[in-house]
Amino acid sequence: MIFRRLYHDRLAQASYLLACESTRQAIIIDPLRDPDPYLEAAALEDVRIAFVTETHIHADFLSGAEALATRAGATLLLSAEGDDAGIDARLRRTGATPLRTGDSIAVGRVRLDVRHTPGHTPEHIVFIVTDEATSPLPVGMLSGDFLFAGDVGRPDLLEKAVGVKDTMQRSAAQLFDSLQTLRTLPDYLQVWPGHGAGSACGKALGAVPQTTLGYELRSNWAFQIADESEFVREVLADQPDPPAYFALMKALNARGVPPMPSRTRADEATLRAAVRDGALVVDTRQPAEFLAEHLEEAINIPLGRSFLTWAGSVLDPEREIVLLVSPADRHLAAEAIHDLALIGFDRVLGSLAATDLSALAPRDLSSIPVMPAADIGAESNATIIDVRSEAEWNEGHIPGARHFPLTQLAARAEELRGLQPIVVHCQGGARSSIAVSVLRAFGIHDVTNADGGYAAWERTHGPAEGGARWVP
């Protein structure tokens, strides 16, 4: 068996290529929107993509299953499980071969057996892989967003991200039942998950690329709870806030993903004109540079591992976007534009070097005041806004602060219009820079960034509401 893991670091997402050495047939599982990396991997391995499938309808990226199957001339295989009418509609629209528990996919002498594992989503399936050329025993499980290294797939996204009411409790109970079915499988089974550390599809994902079922049965918190009610409470507690773009991903993946946008980008003169004409400027420099000087109404989202998470939470995919990039990071601009397309931001015109900002007139230059986070509370008339996650807030927060998670800030900004002056903080300082830029873009100008965040405040002031004392 030929096995390739194709991992996207900034989405913390894993796709897989499995192929038979003798027939040179291959299957791709959970591909991203851009088909090129999978076609290139198949060419490198000298195999033909005969099948394309996925474990479930994804919420954190646009699926490339349909596009890849078309480009490769492959058979598209999709789950027919679950009680959602949209599943049947998707199968009819795509003409995909339906997959149900008990079905098998023969990729030459590599066999994938289908198991329905609802909980993360109603239609979720996993694949038990057997390399029949080597042994009749199964070798591994492609677990998608059902089982991770150290964690399990969150069951609350259907309600929190998509808005399907009263589904969290039922999905959590289904997840508990699905996990119990794994106890009949052999301990030695390798587990190849769909995500790694940094994904918002769980709350404590491990960073290792793979694990074994036996190890997870003994170490993963989800298998240590024997009572269903206790499991439901635990799995729903302190889940990270889903980025706003998740709802759009679910809808597009169900009804059909448009082709990847062209890689051709506008020239510098056209980009400068777009900025002057009101395109949304996303300034990707580090917070200190941005806060000191930036274009008015620009939104600060520093390049890094969390770039896509925050971009998908605070940006409008319907707006034309121009990236401003530090000269030292210009080589990362094309990658950032490509990544944004993976989550549905197709109107990114290109990037400009963030050097002579004044040349982008008539856009005004601006700055945002900064104060030490340790001084939060010194101004009694200021509204303190905490943009950390719910879990962070529950562990401890500044007395009198109001909680506006960054993932919700753009949707709730109008609630803050009458509460100026405003002081914004996060845990360490990176998210608060994004938050103050979002508020300024909404016309809420009397805002201050708290440098150092809650961590700095706690070091100075000690215990906080809901949390334990900081120990140096």
Protein backbone atom coordinates (compact mmCIF):
# COMPACT_ATOMS: atom_id res chain seq x y z
CA MET A 1 0.00 0.00 0.00
CA ILE A 2 1.15 3.49 -0.85
CA PHE A 3 0.27 6.00 1.86
CA ARG A 4 0.64 9.79 1.73
CA ARG A 5 -0.55 12.34 4.29
CA LEU A 6 -1.00 15.79 2.75
CA TYR A 7 -1.14 18.30 5.57
CA HIS A 8 -2.08 21.98 5.48
CA ASP A 9 -0.45 23.65 8.50
CA ARG A 10 -2.53 26.81 8.66
CA LEU A 11 -5.82 24.89 8.51
CA ALA A 12 -4.36 22.06 10.62
CA GLN A 13 -6.05 19.73 8.11
CA ALA A 14 -4.96 16.36 6.78
CA SER A 15 -5.97 14.81 3.47
CA TYR A 16 -4.82 11.32 2.52
CA LEU A 17 -3.74 9.46 -0.61
CA LEU A 18 -3.90 5.66 -0.44
CA ALA A 19 -2.96 3.54 -3.44
CA CYS A 20 -2.37 -0.05 -4.48
CA GLU A 21 1.20 -0.75 -5.56
CA SER A 22 0.20 -3.40 -8.09
CA THR A 23 -2.79 -1.76 -9.83
CA ARG A 24 -1.56 1.85 -9.31
CA GLN A 25 -5.11 2.88 -8.39
CA ALA A 26 -5.49 5.56 -5.72
CA ILE A 27 -8.14 7.12 -3.51
CA ILE A 28 -8.07 10.62 -2.03
CA ILE A 29 -9.83 11.28 1.28
CA ASP A 30 -10.94 14.76 2.44
CA PRO A 31 -9.27 16.96 -0.21
CA LEU A 32 -9.15 20.74 0.07
CA ARG A 33 -10.64 23.00 -2.58
CA ASP A 34 -7.54 23.21 -4.76
CA PRO A 35 -7.14 19.94 -6.71
CA ASP A 36 -3.56 20.61 -7.84
CA PRO A 37 -1.66 19.24 -4.78
CA TYR A 38 -3.48 15.90 -5.06
CA LEU A 39 -2.91 15.60 -8.79
CA GLU A 40 0.76 16.41 -8.22
CA ALA A 41 1.03 13.84 -5.41
CA ALA A 42 -0.56 11.18 -7.62
CA ALA A 43 1.86 12.01 -10.44
CA LEU A 44 4.80 11.83 -8.04
CA GLU A 45 3.69 8.36 -6.89
CA ASP A 46 2.87 7.33 -10.49
CA VAL A 47 -0.69 6.36 -9.56
CA ARG A 48 -4.11 7.15 -11.03
CA ILE A 49 -6.77 8.69 -8.82
CA ALA A 50 -9.69 6.31 -9.26
CA PHE A 51 -11.80 7.42 -6.27
CA VAL A 52 -12.37 10.58 -4.25
CA THR A 53 -14.27 10.62 -0.99
CA GLU A 54 -14.65 12.47 2.30
CA THR A 55 -15.62 11.61 5.84
CA HIS A 56 -18.32 14.28 6.23
CA ILE A 57 -19.53 17.70 5.08
CA HIS A 58 -16.80 20.00 6.34
CA ALA A 59 -17.29 23.28 8.19
CA ASP A 60 -13.72 24.59 8.32
CA PHE A 61 -12.78 24.62 4.62
CA LEU A 62 -14.27 24.31 1.18
CA SER A 63 -14.29 20.73 -0.04
CA GLY A 64 -12.40 19.84 -3.18
CA ALA A 65 -13.97 16.40 -3.56
CA GLU A 66 -16.22 17.26 -6.50
CA ALA A 67 -13.62 19.31 -8.37
CA LEU A 68 -10.89 16.71 -7.90
CA ALA A 69 -13.12 13.84 -9.02
CA THR A 70 -13.96 15.80 -12.18
CA ARG A 71 -10.35 16.75 -12.93
CA ALA A 72 -9.07 13.22 -12.30
CA GLY A 73 -11.94 11.41 -14.02
CA ALA A 74 -12.50 9.58 -10.73
CA THR A 75 -15.58 8.11 -9.05
CA LEU A 76 -16.96 10.39 -6.32
CA LEU A 77 -18.07 8.55 -3.17
CA LEU A 78 -20.08 10.38 -0.49
CA SER A 79 -21.81 9.42 2.74
CA ALA A 80 -25.50 8.56 2.47
CA GLU A 81 -25.85 8.21 6.25
CA GLY A 82 -27.67 10.54 8.63
CA ASP A 83 -31.19 11.92 8.69
CA ASP A 84 -30.55 15.19 6.87
CA ALA A 85 -32.54 15.69 3.66
CA GLY A 86 -29.60 17.68 2.35
CA ILE A 87 -27.53 14.50 2.14
CA ASP A 88 -29.85 12.97 -0.44
CA ALA A 89 -30.00 16.25 -2.34
CA ARG A 90 -26.20 16.40 -2.49
CA LEU A 91 -25.97 12.83 -3.75
CA ARG A 92 -28.49 13.59 -6.49
CA ARG A 93 -26.76 16.83 -7.47
CA THR A 94 -23.28 15.31 -7.69
CA GLY A 95 -24.21 11.87 -8.98
CA ALA A 96 -21.90 10.45 -6.32
CA THR A 97 -21.95 6.81 -5.32
CA PRO A 98 -23.58 6.59 -1.86
CA LEU A 99 -21.65 5.09 1.04
CA ARG A 100 -23.26 3.37 4.02
CA THR A 101 -22.10 1.27 6.94
CA GLY A 102 -20.97 -2.13 5.70
CA ASP A 103 -19.91 -0.92 2.27
CA SER A 104 -16.38 -1.57 1.05
CA ILE A 105 -14.22 0.32 -1.45
CA ALA A 106 -11.69 -1.80 -3.35
CA VAL A 107 -8.70 0.25 -4.47
CA GLY A 108 -6.83 -2.59 -6.09
CA ARG A 109 -5.79 -4.73 -3.12
CA VAL A 110 -6.36 -1.94 -0.61
CA ARG A 111 -9.80 -2.21 1.02
CA LEU A 112 -11.63 0.55 2.87
CA ASP A 113 -14.58 -0.59 5.00
CA VAL A 114 -17.18 2.07 5.82
CA ARG A 115 -18.47 2.68 9.36
CA HIS A 116 -21.08 5.29 10.29
CA THR A 117 -19.85 7.34 13.27
CA PRO A 118 -22.40 10.14 13.91
CA GLY A 119 -21.76 12.78 16.53
CA HIS A 120 -19.50 15.41 15.01
CA THR A 121 -21.99 15.50 12.12
CA PRO A 122 -24.98 13.24 11.41
CA GLU A 123 -23.49 11.79 8.20
CA HIS A 124 -19.91 11.26 9.44
CA ILE A 125 -18.22 8.03 8.34
CA VAL A 126 -14.77 6.56 8.92
CA PHE A 127 -12.79 4.08 6.83
CA ILE A 128 -11.14 0.96 8.22
CA VAL A 129 -8.17 0.24 5.95
CA THR A 130 -6.82 -3.23 5.11
CA ASP A 131 -3.76 -3.75 2.94
CA GLU A 132 -4.78 -7.15 1.56
CA ALA A 133 -1.49 -7.61 -0.25
CA THR A 134 0.20 -7.73 3.16
CA SER A 135 -2.35 -9.15 5.60
CA PRO A 136 -6.07 -9.81 6.04
CA LEU A 137 -5.90 -7.78 9.27
CA PRO A 138 -6.89 -4.11 9.19
CA VAL A 139 -3.98 -1.71 9.49
CA GLY A 140 -5.59 1.62 10.28
CA MET A 141 -8.58 3.91 10.46
CA LEU A 142 -9.09 7.17 8.58
CA SER A 143 -11.02 8.84 11.38
CA GLY A 144 -11.83 12.23 9.89
CA ASP A 145 -13.21 14.60 12.54
CA PHE A 146 -14.52 11.78 14.72
CA LEU A 147 -11.41 10.74 16.64
CA PHE A 148 -8.23 12.78 17.02
CA ALA A 149 -4.98 12.28 18.85
CA GLY A 150 -6.02 13.14 22.40
CA ASP A 151 -9.50 14.43 21.60
CA VAL A 152 -12.74 13.83 19.72
CA GLY A 153 -14.70 15.86 17.19
CA ARG A 154 -16.91 18.52 18.70
CA PRO A 155 -20.67 17.83 18.46
CA ASP A 156 -21.86 21.42 18.81
CA LEU A 157 -21.02 22.92 15.40
CA LEU A 158 -24.35 22.07 13.80
CA GLU A 159 -26.04 24.28 16.39
CA LYS A 160 -23.39 26.92 17.10
CA ALA A 161 -22.08 27.46 13.57
CA VAL A 162 -25.02 26.53 11.35
CA GLY A 163 -27.89 27.45 13.66
CA VAL A 164 -29.74 24.12 13.75
CA LYS A 165 -31.36 24.42 17.17
CA ASP A 166 -31.47 21.75 19.85
CA THR A 167 -28.90 19.46 18.20
CA MET A 168 -25.91 19.71 20.56
CA GLN A 169 -27.16 17.35 23.25
CA ARG A 170 -28.38 14.74 20.77
CA SER A 171 -25.17 14.92 18.74
CA ALA A 172 -23.06 14.58 21.88
CA ALA A 173 -24.99 11.45 22.88
CA GLN A 174 -24.52 10.01 19.39
CA LEU A 175 -20.80 10.73 19.63
CA PHE A 176 -20.64 8.81 22.91
CA ASP A 177 -22.33 5.81 21.32
CA SER A 178 -20.09 5.97 18.24
CA LEU A 179 -16.97 5.97 20.41
CA GLN A 180 -18.09 2.86 22.24
CA THR A 181 -18.24 0.92 18.96
CA LEU A 182 -14.47 1.33 18.60
CA ARG A 183 -13.81 -0.89 21.62
CA THR A 184 -14.39 -3.98 19.45
CA LEU A 185 -11.55 -3.04 17.10
CA PRO A 186 -7.96 -4.23 17.63
CA ASP A 187 -5.67 -2.12 19.81
CA TYR A 188 -2.91 -2.05 17.22
CA LEU A 189 -5.09 -0.21 14.70
CA GLN A 190 -3.41 3.00 13.55
CA VAL A 191 -5.55 6.15 13.67
CA TRP A 192 -5.08 8.73 10.93
CA PRO A 193 -7.12 11.82 11.94
CA GLY A 194 -8.36 14.65 9.78
CA HIS A 195 -6.92 17.43 11.94
CA GLY A 196 -4.00 18.28 14.19
CA ALA A 197 -3.33 20.84 16.89
CA GLY A 198 -4.74 24.26 16.10
CA SER A 199 -7.98 23.12 14.50
CA ALA A 200 -11.24 24.56 15.82
CA CYS A 201 -12.95 21.18 15.25
CA GLY A 202 -11.99 20.07 18.76
CA LYS A 203 -10.72 21.63 21.96
CA ALA A 204 -7.53 19.73 22.83
CA LEU A 205 -6.15 18.11 19.69
CA GLY A 206 -2.71 16.57 19.90
CA ALA A 207 0.09 17.59 17.58
CA VAL A 208 1.28 14.10 16.61
CA PRO A 209 0.31 13.16 13.03
CA GLN A 210 -1.11 9.77 13.96
CA THR A 211 -1.84 7.57 16.95
CA THR A 212 -3.15 4.08 17.71
CA LEU A 213 -6.55 3.04 18.94
CA GLY A 214 -5.05 1.23 21.92
CA TYR A 215 -3.22 4.36 23.04
CA GLU A 216 -6.34 6.50 22.67
CA LEU A 217 -8.47 4.00 24.60
CA ARG A 218 -6.05 4.35 27.50
CA SER A 219 -5.15 8.06 27.31
CA ASN A 220 -7.83 10.02 25.47
CA TRP A 221 -10.15 11.72 27.97
CA ALA A 222 -13.25 10.74 25.97
CA PHE A 223 -12.73 7.02 26.60
CA GLN A 224 -12.26 7.47 30.33
CA ILE A 225 -15.88 8.50 30.91
CA ALA A 226 -18.30 5.60 31.18
CA ASP A 227 -21.45 7.62 31.89
CA GLU A 228 -23.19 9.14 28.87
CA SER A 229 -24.58 12.16 30.73
CA GLU A 230 -21.17 13.00 32.14
CA PHE A 231 -19.61 12.65 28.69
CA VAL A 232 -22.20 14.97 27.16
CA ARG A 233 -21.48 17.65 29.77
CA GLU A 234 -17.73 17.32 29.34
CA VAL A 235 -17.62 17.29 25.54
CA LEU A 236 -19.81 20.39 25.31
CA ALA A 237 -17.91 22.33 27.97
CA ASP A 238 -15.41 25.00 26.92
CA GLN A 239 -15.46 24.27 23.20
CA PRO A 240 -13.70 27.06 21.26
CA ASP A 241 -15.91 29.62 19.57
CA PRO A 242 -16.42 28.54 15.94
CA PRO A 243 -15.12 31.08 13.43
CA ALA A 244 -17.91 32.93 11.61
CA TYR A 245 -16.98 31.47 8.23
CA PHE A 246 -17.90 27.92 9.31
CA ALA A 247 -21.58 28.48 8.46
CA LEU A 248 -20.69 29.56 4.91
CA MET A 249 -18.45 26.52 4.44
CA LYS A 250 -21.23 24.14 5.45
CA ALA A 251 -23.69 25.77 3.05
CA LEU A 252 -21.32 25.85 0.08
CA ASN A 253 -20.08 22.31 0.63
CA ALA A 254 -23.67 21.08 0.65
CA ARG A 255 -24.88 22.96 -2.41
CA GLY A 256 -21.71 23.07 -4.51
CA VAL A 257 -18.29 24.74 -4.30
CA PRO A 258 -17.33 27.20 -7.07
CA PRO A 259 -14.02 26.53 -8.87
CA MET A 260 -10.83 27.94 -7.38
CA PRO A 261 -10.38 31.59 -8.41
CA SER A 262 -7.73 32.53 -10.92
CA ARG A 263 -4.18 32.85 -9.62
CA THR A 264 -3.69 35.99 -11.74
CA ARG A 265 -3.46 39.10 -9.53
CA ALA A 266 -3.96 42.77 -10.29
CA ASP A 267 -0.89 44.92 -10.92
CA GLU A 268 0.29 47.49 -8.37
CA ALA A 269 -1.41 50.46 -10.02
CA THR A 270 -4.75 48.64 -10.05
CA LEU A 271 -4.34 47.62 -6.41
CA ARG A 272 -3.52 51.17 -5.34
CA ALA A 273 -6.60 52.41 -7.19
CA ALA A 274 -8.72 49.76 -5.47
CA VAL A 275 -7.45 50.90 -2.06
CA ARG A 276 -8.29 54.51 -2.89
CA ASP A 277 -11.73 53.45 -4.09
CA GLY A 278 -12.65 51.70 -0.86
CA ALA A 279 -11.44 48.08 -1.06
CA LEU A 280 -11.11 46.42 2.32
CA VAL A 281 -7.47 46.66 3.40
CA VAL A 282 -6.16 43.78 5.48
CA ASP A 283 -2.90 44.81 7.12
CA THR A 284 -0.92 41.65 7.88
CA ARG A 285 1.91 43.31 9.83
CA GLN A 286 2.57 42.57 13.49
CA PRO A 287 0.40 44.42 16.03
CA ALA A 288 3.02 46.94 17.21
CA GLU A 289 3.66 48.16 13.64
CA PHE A 290 -0.03 48.36 12.84
CA LEU A 291 -1.05 50.19 16.01
CA ALA A 292 1.68 52.79 15.49
CA GLU A 293 0.55 53.69 11.96
CA HIS A 294 -1.92 52.25 9.49
CA LEU A 295 -4.46 53.17 6.87
CA GLU A 296 -7.75 54.30 8.35
CA GLU A 297 -10.36 51.46 8.35
CA ALA A 298 -7.71 48.81 7.69
CA ILE A 299 -8.13 45.57 9.64
CA ASN A 300 -5.07 44.05 11.27
CA ILE A 301 -4.69 40.27 10.91
CA PRO A 302 -1.04 39.28 11.34
CA LEU A 303 0.31 36.48 9.17
CA GLY A 304 0.82 33.30 11.13
CA ARG A 305 -0.85 30.05 12.11
CA SER A 306 -4.09 31.74 13.19
CA PHE A 307 -4.38 33.98 10.12
CA LEU A 308 -7.18 31.99 8.49
CA THR A 309 -9.13 31.54 11.73
CA TRP A 310 -9.28 35.27 12.40
CA ALA A 311 -9.71 36.25 8.75
CA GLY A 312 -12.69 33.93 8.54
CA SER A 313 -14.12 35.43 11.73
CA VAL A 314 -13.89 39.16 11.04
CA LEU A 315 -13.73 39.69 7.26
CA ASP A 316 -16.57 39.94 4.75
CA PRO A 317 -16.06 37.51 1.83
CA GLU A 318 -18.22 39.71 -0.39
CA ARG A 319 -15.80 42.66 -0.18
CA GLU A 320 -12.87 43.21 -2.50
CA ILE A 321 -9.73 42.79 -0.41
CA VAL A 322 -6.17 44.06 -0.75
CA LEU A 323 -3.48 42.71 1.57
CA LEU A 324 -0.79 44.97 2.98
CA VAL A 325 2.32 42.93 3.73
CA SER A 326 5.57 43.79 5.48
CA PRO A 327 8.48 43.77 3.00
CA ALA A 328 10.02 40.92 4.97
CA ASP A 329 6.85 38.86 4.43
CA ARG A 330 6.24 39.57 0.73
CA HIS A 331 7.13 35.97 -0.13
CA LEU A 332 4.18 34.84 1.99
CA ALA A 333 1.58 36.98 0.19
CA ALA A 334 0.71 34.49 -2.57
CA GLU A 335 0.36 31.74 0.03
CA ALA A 336 -1.99 33.89 2.12
CA ILE A 337 -4.16 34.69 -0.92
CA HIS A 338 -4.31 31.02 -1.86
CA ASP A 339 -5.22 30.07 1.71
CA LEU A 340 -8.02 32.61 1.82
CA ALA A 341 -9.53 31.00 -1.29
CA LEU A 342 -9.59 27.68 0.56
CA ILE A 343 -12.15 29.21 2.94
CA GLY A 344 -14.18 31.07 0.34
CA PHE A 345 -12.52 34.49 0.10
CA ASP A 346 -12.40 34.72 -3.69
CA ARG A 347 -12.22 38.50 -4.08
CA VAL A 348 -8.67 39.06 -2.85
CA LEU A 349 -7.20 41.29 -5.56
CA GLY A 350 -3.56 40.99 -4.54
CA SER A 351 -0.99 42.40 -2.13
CA LEU A 352 0.99 45.61 -1.67
CA ALA A 353 4.14 46.20 0.32
CA ALA A 354 3.36 48.13 3.51
CA THR A 355 6.15 50.66 2.99
CA ASP A 356 4.99 54.14 1.98
CA LEU A 357 1.45 54.14 3.35
CA SER A 358 1.03 57.86 2.67
CA ALA A 359 1.24 57.10 -1.06
CA LEU A 360 -2.16 55.41 -0.78
CA ALA A 361 -3.95 58.76 -0.35
CA PRO A 362 -6.73 59.82 -0.05
CA ARG A 363 -6.95 57.15 2.66
CA ASP A 364 -5.94 58.81 5.93
CA LEU A 365 -3.23 57.45 8.17
CA SER A 366 -4.17 56.63 11.73
CA SER A 367 -2.87 55.11 14.95
CA ILE A 368 -4.50 53.45 17.93
CA PRO A 369 -3.48 54.31 21.51
CA VAL A 370 -1.89 51.61 23.63
CA MET A 371 -1.89 51.28 27.40
CA PRO A 372 -0.27 48.69 29.70
CA ALA A 373 -2.79 45.98 30.48
CA ALA A 374 -1.76 46.24 34.14
CA ASP A 375 -3.41 49.70 34.19
CA ILE A 376 -6.84 48.43 33.08
CA GLY A 377 -9.40 49.83 35.46
CA ALA A 378 -7.50 53.06 36.14
CA GLU A 379 -10.03 54.95 34.01
CA SER A 380 -13.31 54.38 35.78
CA ASN A 381 -15.41 55.55 32.82
CA ALA A 382 -13.88 53.14 30.29
CA THR A 383 -15.72 50.04 29.07
CA ILE A 384 -13.45 46.99 29.32
CA ILE A 385 -13.93 44.51 26.47
CA ASP A 386 -12.49 41.00 26.76
CA VAL A 387 -12.20 39.30 23.33
CA ARG A 388 -10.87 35.94 24.54
CA SER A 389 -12.73 32.65 24.18
CA GLU A 390 -15.45 31.45 26.50
CA ALA A 391 -13.09 28.92 28.10
CA GLU A 392 -10.51 31.62 28.84
CA TRP A 393 -13.20 33.91 30.23
CA ASN A 394 -14.50 31.15 32.51
CA GLU A 395 -11.02 30.55 33.91
CA GLY A 396 -10.80 34.15 35.06
CA HIS A 397 -11.61 37.68 33.91
CA ILE A 398 -11.14 41.28 34.96
CA PRO A 399 -13.90 42.60 37.27
CA GLY A 400 -16.40 44.70 35.34
CA ALA A 401 -15.23 43.50 31.90
CA ARG A 402 -17.72 42.63 29.17
CA HIS A 403 -17.21 39.51 27.11
CA PHE A 404 -17.17 39.86 23.31
CA PRO A 405 -15.26 36.88 21.83
CA LEU A 406 -13.29 37.91 18.77
CA THR A 407 -15.17 35.34 16.67
CA GLN A 408 -18.39 37.28 17.42
CA LEU A 409 -17.09 40.84 17.45
CA ALA A 410 -17.89 41.85 13.87
CA ALA A 411 -21.48 40.64 14.24
CA ARG A 412 -21.92 42.38 17.60
CA ALA A 413 -19.95 45.60 17.05
CA GLU A 414 -23.07 47.80 17.01
CA GLU A 415 -23.70 46.86 20.66
CA LEU A 416 -20.56 48.82 21.56
CA ARG A 417 -21.25 52.04 19.71
CA GLY A 418 -22.60 53.87 22.76
CA LEU A 419 -20.07 52.51 25.25
CA GLN A 420 -16.98 54.58 24.40
CA PRO A 421 -14.27 55.03 25.61
CA ILE A 422 -13.39 51.35 25.22
CA VAL A 423 -10.32 49.40 26.34
CA VAL A 424 -9.82 46.05 24.60
CA HIS A 425 -7.74 43.14 25.84
CA CYS A 426 -7.16 39.48 25.01
CA GLN A 427 -4.79 36.99 26.66
CA GLY A 428 -1.45 38.25 25.42
CA GLY A 429 -2.06 41.10 22.96
CA ALA A 430 -2.38 39.66 19.44
CA ARG A 431 -6.17 39.28 19.25
CA SER A 432 -6.86 42.66 20.83
CA SER A 433 -5.03 44.37 17.96
CA ILE A 434 -7.38 42.65 15.52
CA ALA A 435 -10.34 43.63 17.68
CA VAL A 436 -9.53 47.33 17.95
CA SER A 437 -8.97 47.49 14.19
CA VAL A 438 -12.39 45.89 13.61
CA LEU A 439 -14.06 48.43 15.92
CA ARG A 440 -12.30 51.34 14.21
CA ALA A 441 -13.41 50.00 10.82
CA PHE A 442 -16.98 50.05 12.14
CA GLY A 443 -16.59 53.73 13.07
CA ILE A 444 -16.08 53.17 16.80
CA HIS A 445 -13.02 55.34 17.23
CA ASP A 446 -12.46 55.90 20.97
CA VAL A 447 -10.72 52.57 21.55
CA THR A 448 -7.46 51.67 23.27
CA ASN A 449 -5.44 48.46 23.00
CA ALA A 450 -4.29 46.89 26.27
CA ASP A 451 -0.71 45.73 25.73
CA GLY A 452 0.11 42.38 27.32
CA GLY A 453 -3.51 41.33 27.77
CA TYR A 454 -5.06 39.47 30.64
CA ALA A 455 -1.81 37.64 31.43
CA ALA A 456 -0.08 40.95 32.20
CA TRP A 457 -3.05 42.22 34.21
CA GLU A 458 -3.17 39.03 36.29
CA ARG A 459 0.55 39.16 37.05
CA THR A 460 -0.01 42.58 38.59
CA HIS A 461 -3.40 42.16 40.25
CA GLY A 462 -3.44 38.50 41.27
CA PRO A 463 -6.69 36.50 41.39
CA ALA A 464 -9.56 37.45 39.11
CA GLU A 465 -13.24 36.62 38.93
CA GLY A 466 -13.78 32.95 38.10
CA GLY A 467 -10.10 32.07 38.02
CA ALA A 468 -7.19 30.90 40.15
CA ARG A 469 -4.37 33.10 41.34
CA TRP A 470 -1.44 33.50 38.97
CA VAL A 471 1.67 31.81 40.33
CA PRO A 472 5.06 33.10 39.05
